[in-house]
Protein backbone atom coordinates (compact mmCIF):
# COMPACT_ATOMS: atom_id res chain seq x y z
CA UNK A 1 249.67 136.38 69.75
CA UNK A 2 247.74 138.48 72.10
CA UNK A 3 246.68 140.65 69.49
CA UNK A 4 245.03 137.64 68.34
CA UNK A 5 243.31 137.05 71.42
CA UNK A 6 242.11 140.01 71.12
CA UNK A 7 240.52 140.12 68.28
CA UNK A 8 238.93 136.47 68.56
CA UNK A 9 237.64 137.17 72.21
CA UNK A 10 234.50 139.09 71.29
CA UNK A 11 233.62 135.54 68.90
CA UNK A 12 234.57 133.39 71.88
CA UNK A 13 232.22 135.73 74.26
CA UNK A 14 229.38 135.27 71.60
CA UNK A 15 229.27 131.75 71.33
CA UNK A 16 229.33 131.65 75.47
CA UNK A 17 226.52 133.39 75.14
CA UNK A 18 224.92 131.59 72.83
CA UNK A 19 225.92 128.48 75.12
CA UNK A 20 224.53 130.13 78.16
CA UNK A 21 221.09 131.04 76.57
CA UNK A 22 218.84 128.01 76.88
CA UNK A 23 219.69 127.60 80.56
CA UNK A 24 219.19 131.56 81.26
CA UNK A 25 216.07 130.82 79.10
CA UNK A 26 215.01 127.23 81.58
CA UNK A 27 216.64 129.29 84.54
CA UNK A 28 212.66 131.48 84.08
CA UNK A 29 209.89 129.30 84.81
CA UNK A 30 206.88 129.86 82.82
CA UNK A 31 203.60 132.08 83.95
CA UNK A 32 201.76 129.25 85.64
CA UNK A 33 198.78 128.50 83.71
CA UNK A 34 195.03 129.25 84.96
CA UNK A 35 193.59 127.19 87.67
CA UNK A 36 191.35 123.88 85.48
CA UNK A 37 187.77 122.83 86.79
CA UNK A 38 188.15 120.22 89.54
CA UNK A 39 185.07 117.95 88.71
CA UNK A 40 185.44 116.63 91.63
CA UNK A 41 184.81 120.33 93.41
CA UNK A 42 182.54 121.57 90.92
CA UNK A 43 180.08 118.23 91.63
CA UNK A 44 180.29 118.34 95.48
CA UNK A 45 179.49 122.44 95.22
CA UNK A 46 176.17 121.49 92.79
CA UNK A 47 175.48 118.45 95.10
CA UNK A 48 175.37 120.55 98.01
CA UNK A 49 173.04 123.35 96.67
CA UNK A 50 170.31 120.84 96.83
CA UNK A 51 167.38 121.64 99.73
CA UNK A 52 168.73 125.73 99.45
CA UNK A 53 166.39 127.93 98.80
CA UNK A 54 167.39 130.37 96.11
CA UNK A 55 168.14 134.01 97.02
CA UNK A 56 165.74 136.82 96.51
CA UNK A 57 168.26 138.32 93.80
CA UNK A 58 166.86 140.27 90.79
CA UNK A 59 168.22 140.72 87.45
CA UNK A 60 167.49 141.96 84.10
CA UNK A 61 165.50 140.83 81.16
CA UNK A 62 166.16 141.18 77.29
CA UNK A 63 164.94 144.33 77.64
CA UNK A 64 166.46 145.70 80.80
CA UNK A 65 163.45 145.53 82.83
CA UNK A 66 164.07 144.20 86.48
CA UNK A 67 162.97 140.89 87.43
CA UNK A 68 162.84 139.54 91.39
CA UNK A 69 163.88 135.64 91.09
CA UNK A 70 161.23 135.86 93.72
CA UNK A 71 158.61 136.32 90.71
CA UNK A 72 158.91 132.34 89.51
CA UNK A 73 157.30 130.99 93.01
CA UNK A 74 154.30 128.99 92.78
CA UNK A 75 155.85 127.12 89.71
CA UNK A 76 158.58 124.68 89.02
CA UNK A 77 161.04 126.75 87.32
CA UNK A 78 164.39 125.06 85.44
CA UNK A 79 167.69 127.54 85.65
CA UNK A 80 170.40 127.41 82.91
CA UNK A 81 173.79 129.34 83.65
CA UNK A 82 175.48 130.10 80.43
CA UNK A 83 177.70 132.94 78.17
CA UNK A 84 176.87 134.36 75.09
CA UNK A 85 180.46 133.77 74.15
CA UNK A 86 180.56 130.37 73.44
CA UNK A 87 180.20 129.56 70.43
CA UNK A 88 179.83 125.36 71.34
CA UNK A 89 178.38 124.19 74.64
CA UNK A 90 176.37 126.65 75.40
CA UNK A 91 174.34 126.81 72.32
CA UNK A 92 173.90 123.20 72.27
CA UNK A 93 172.51 122.84 75.87
CA UNK A 94 170.40 125.21 75.33
CA UNK A 95 169.04 124.32 72.07
CA UNK A 96 168.90 120.37 73.62
CA UNK A 97 166.55 122.37 76.60
CA UNK A 98 164.45 123.49 74.13
CA UNK A 99 163.62 120.47 72.38
CA UNK A 100 163.04 118.87 75.85
CA UNK A 101 161.15 122.24 76.88
CA UNK A 102 158.79 121.75 73.67
CA UNK A 103 157.94 118.15 74.63
CA UNK A 104 157.22 119.21 78.53
CA UNK A 105 155.06 122.04 77.55
CA UNK A 106 153.44 119.14 75.10
CA UNK A 107 152.63 117.27 78.33
CA UNK A 108 151.93 119.44 80.77
CA UNK A 109 151.03 122.60 79.26
CA UNK A 110 152.03 125.74 78.56
CA UNK A 111 152.10 127.44 82.15
CA UNK A 112 153.21 124.84 84.48
CA UNK A 113 156.40 125.85 84.88
CA UNK A 114 158.69 128.23 83.77
CA UNK A 115 162.63 128.38 82.40
CA UNK A 116 165.13 130.88 82.66
CA UNK A 117 168.75 131.14 81.03
CA UNK A 118 171.21 133.01 83.61
CA UNK A 119 174.32 135.00 81.94
CA UNK A 120 177.32 134.45 84.05
CA UNK A 121 179.82 136.33 82.26
CA UNK A 122 179.55 140.37 83.30
CA UNK A 123 179.84 142.46 81.63
CA UNK A 124 179.40 140.90 78.32
CA UNK A 125 176.34 138.80 78.94
CA UNK A 126 174.05 142.30 78.87
CA UNK A 127 170.32 142.34 78.31
CA UNK A 128 171.37 143.33 74.90
CA UNK A 129 173.84 140.74 74.15
CA UNK A 130 171.28 137.56 76.29
CA UNK A 131 168.78 138.95 73.29
CA UNK A 132 170.91 138.65 70.72
CA UNK A 133 171.71 134.81 71.66
CA UNK A 134 167.85 134.05 72.35
CA UNK A 135 166.96 135.22 68.98
CA UNK A 136 170.27 133.85 67.17
CA UNK A 137 168.87 130.53 68.73
CA UNK A 138 165.46 130.85 67.71
CA UNK A 139 164.29 130.41 71.20
CA UNK A 140 161.13 131.38 71.93
CA UNK A 141 159.19 129.80 74.13
CA UNK A 142 156.54 131.18 76.19
CA UNK A 143 157.19 131.23 79.83
CA UNK A 144 160.75 131.48 79.22
CA UNK A 145 163.55 134.23 79.85
CA UNK A 146 166.96 135.23 79.50
CA UNK A 147 168.30 137.18 82.60
CA UNK A 148 171.34 139.32 82.62
CA UNK A 149 172.19 139.86 86.90
CA UNK A 150 174.47 142.62 87.62
CA UNK A 151 178.40 141.68 88.22
CA UNK A 152 178.24 142.05 92.07
CA UNK A 153 175.46 139.45 92.56
CA UNK A 154 176.95 136.94 89.92
CA UNK A 155 179.60 135.46 92.86
CA UNK A 156 176.69 134.26 95.44
CA UNK A 157 174.05 133.62 92.70
CA UNK A 158 176.10 130.82 90.96
CA UNK A 159 176.94 129.69 94.62
CA UNK A 160 173.81 129.60 95.78
CA UNK A 161 172.69 127.56 92.59
CA UNK A 162 175.71 125.31 93.05
CA UNK A 163 177.33 126.24 90.09
CA UNK A 164 180.78 126.46 89.38
CA UNK A 165 183.03 127.90 86.50
CA UNK A 166 186.61 129.12 85.73
CA UNK A 167 188.13 131.60 83.00
CA UNK A 168 190.10 129.80 80.39
CA UNK A 169 192.46 130.98 77.32
CA UNK A 170 189.60 130.34 74.95
CA UNK A 171 186.45 130.98 77.55
CA UNK A 172 185.12 129.05 80.86
CA UNK A 173 185.30 125.96 81.97
CA UNK A 174 181.97 125.17 83.91
CA UNK A 175 179.15 122.89 85.02
CA UNK A 176 177.22 121.57 82.64
CA UNK A 177 173.97 121.72 84.82
CA UNK A 178 170.14 122.27 84.72
CA UNK A 179 169.00 123.03 88.31
CA UNK A 180 165.12 122.40 89.22
CA UNK A 181 163.85 124.49 91.58
CA UNK A 182 160.08 123.69 93.23
CA UNK A 183 157.36 125.98 93.39
CA UNK A 184 158.68 127.13 96.94
CA UNK A 185 161.74 128.15 95.06
CA UNK A 186 163.81 125.09 96.84
CA UNK A 187 166.43 123.82 94.60
CA UNK A 188 165.68 119.83 94.22
CA UNK A 189 167.35 118.18 91.50
CA UNK A 190 170.77 118.76 89.14
CA UNK A 191 170.24 117.43 85.76
CA UNK A 192 173.69 117.63 84.14
CA UNK A 193 174.91 116.75 80.27
CA UNK A 194 175.20 119.25 77.33
CA UNK A 195 172.25 116.88 75.72
CA UNK A 196 169.22 116.57 78.19
CA UNK A 197 166.19 114.37 77.43
CA UNK A 198 162.93 115.34 77.96
CA UNK A 199 162.57 112.23 79.62
CA UNK A 200 165.05 113.49 82.34
CA UNK A 201 163.73 116.46 83.21
CA UNK A 202 159.98 115.15 82.72
CA UNK A 203 159.85 112.77 85.25
CA UNK A 204 161.57 115.04 88.40
CA UNK A 205 158.92 117.58 86.94
CA UNK A 206 156.03 115.16 86.85
CA UNK A 207 156.66 114.48 91.00
CA UNK A 208 156.87 118.80 91.54
CA UNK A 209 153.08 118.73 89.77
CA UNK A 210 151.63 115.81 91.01
CA UNK A 211 152.92 116.22 94.42
CA UNK A 212 151.92 119.54 95.11
CA UNK A 213 148.75 119.22 97.89
CA UNK A 214 145.63 119.87 96.40
CA UNK A 215 143.15 122.25 97.38
CA UNK A 216 139.71 121.18 98.98
CA UNK A 217 137.94 122.12 96.16
CA UNK A 218 139.98 120.68 93.58
CA UNK A 219 138.05 121.26 90.04
CA UNK A 220 136.96 118.04 87.70
CA UNK A 221 139.32 119.57 85.21
CA UNK A 222 142.27 119.22 87.77
CA UNK A 223 141.42 115.83 88.64
CA UNK A 224 141.88 114.60 84.87
CA UNK A 225 144.83 116.79 84.55
CA UNK A 226 146.65 114.94 87.21
CA UNK A 227 145.19 111.51 86.12
CA UNK A 228 146.73 112.63 82.42
CA UNK A 229 150.20 112.96 84.09
CA UNK A 230 150.51 110.20 85.66
CA UNK A 231 149.66 108.02 82.25
CA UNK A 232 152.27 109.43 80.02
CA UNK A 233 155.22 108.18 79.14
CA UNK A 234 157.74 109.34 77.32
CA UNK A 235 158.34 107.99 73.55
CA UNK A 236 162.38 108.14 72.73
CA UNK A 237 161.89 107.57 69.08
CA UNK A 238 159.73 110.98 68.94
CA UNK A 239 161.29 113.17 71.70
CA UNK A 240 157.93 113.61 72.71
CA UNK A 241 155.08 111.94 75.49
CA UNK A 242 151.97 109.88 74.65
CA UNK A 243 149.34 108.76 77.32
CA UNK A 244 149.19 105.31 77.94
CA UNK A 245 145.74 104.12 78.29
CA UNK A 246 147.25 100.57 79.76
CA UNK A 247 148.35 102.15 83.09
CA UNK A 248 144.34 103.79 83.54
CA UNK A 249 142.99 100.66 82.36
CA UNK A 250 145.26 98.64 84.86
CA UNK A 251 144.42 101.01 87.21
CA UNK A 252 140.80 100.81 86.75
CA UNK A 253 140.99 97.10 86.52
CA UNK A 254 142.10 97.06 90.00
CA UNK A 255 139.58 98.98 91.25
CA UNK A 256 136.85 96.75 89.84
CA UNK A 257 138.83 93.91 91.66
CA UNK A 258 138.51 95.82 94.88
CA UNK A 259 135.24 97.28 94.17
CA UNK A 260 133.65 93.40 93.72
CA UNK A 261 135.64 91.54 96.95
CA UNK A 262 133.90 93.60 99.22
CA UNK A 263 131.03 93.36 97.46
CA UNK A 264 131.40 89.67 97.59
CA UNK A 265 132.53 89.47 101.33
CA UNK A 266 129.50 92.43 102.18
CA UNK A 267 126.91 89.70 100.64
CA UNK A 268 129.02 87.10 102.70
CA UNK A 269 128.61 88.10 105.69
CA UNK A 270 125.15 89.21 105.52
CA UNK A 271 124.23 85.69 104.39
CA UNK A 272 125.96 84.60 107.15
CA UNK A 273 124.51 86.85 109.97
CA UNK A 274 120.69 85.84 108.12
CA UNK A 275 121.43 82.46 108.74
CA UNK A 276 122.49 82.65 112.18
CA UNK A 277 119.16 84.65 112.87
CA UNK A 278 117.24 81.91 111.70
CA UNK A 279 118.83 79.49 113.98
CA UNK A 280 118.36 80.71 116.80
CA UNK A 281 114.63 81.85 116.02
CA UNK A 282 114.18 77.96 115.26
């Protein structure tokens, strides 16, 4: 019997090991997943950047030439953060921005504002990668640059703009935002979503362009341009802006009414004055 026990003991030990194996595996906790991007925290950081002045960072353009962000001062600036390894969201947002920028250029002109797309995944988003990304998605707009920051400035640069992102096994979770910067380099608006309409960009852009103080000697062409900006409306059916002449007619009608009433009041005052003089002389 003892021999029989010794022969069966290896089999029993193996069975015991099989029974204990799941317990041993459960005792070993799996590695913690990468932290997901908290939308509430990301939104607070994005909004906290409003009013901040963009720092004096120097990035590289598609040809590897240094471009200081300060060189964009003097005109409004649209800023988009992307990473070139993205195959869905970043291409979608970039193509959507391309359509909106075309509409805005038709409304404001080619030289009224600038656009930059910044690759935040370094060193993958090199100048060559940014150039290939722009070419792949056929972005050839004037005054639109694709920039690559040195790896050491990515963290302070993205923090300056309130842009949050987290690495994931599939790429990055990041805020879908466009930052609108005024001519003085201050972040004045964050616009969210993967498909941003021209109207969402156009209205704050118009405020920046029209709200800028005019010089003492403003050329007539500039005055007419300001009037045109105020009288344009967005047509969602065509995705473009058109001049709404009814606004100009209403404004002209109101001005004519005010002038007519002032002229009538002046005539009444003169008539009363002449009557009082006639009575006094009598």
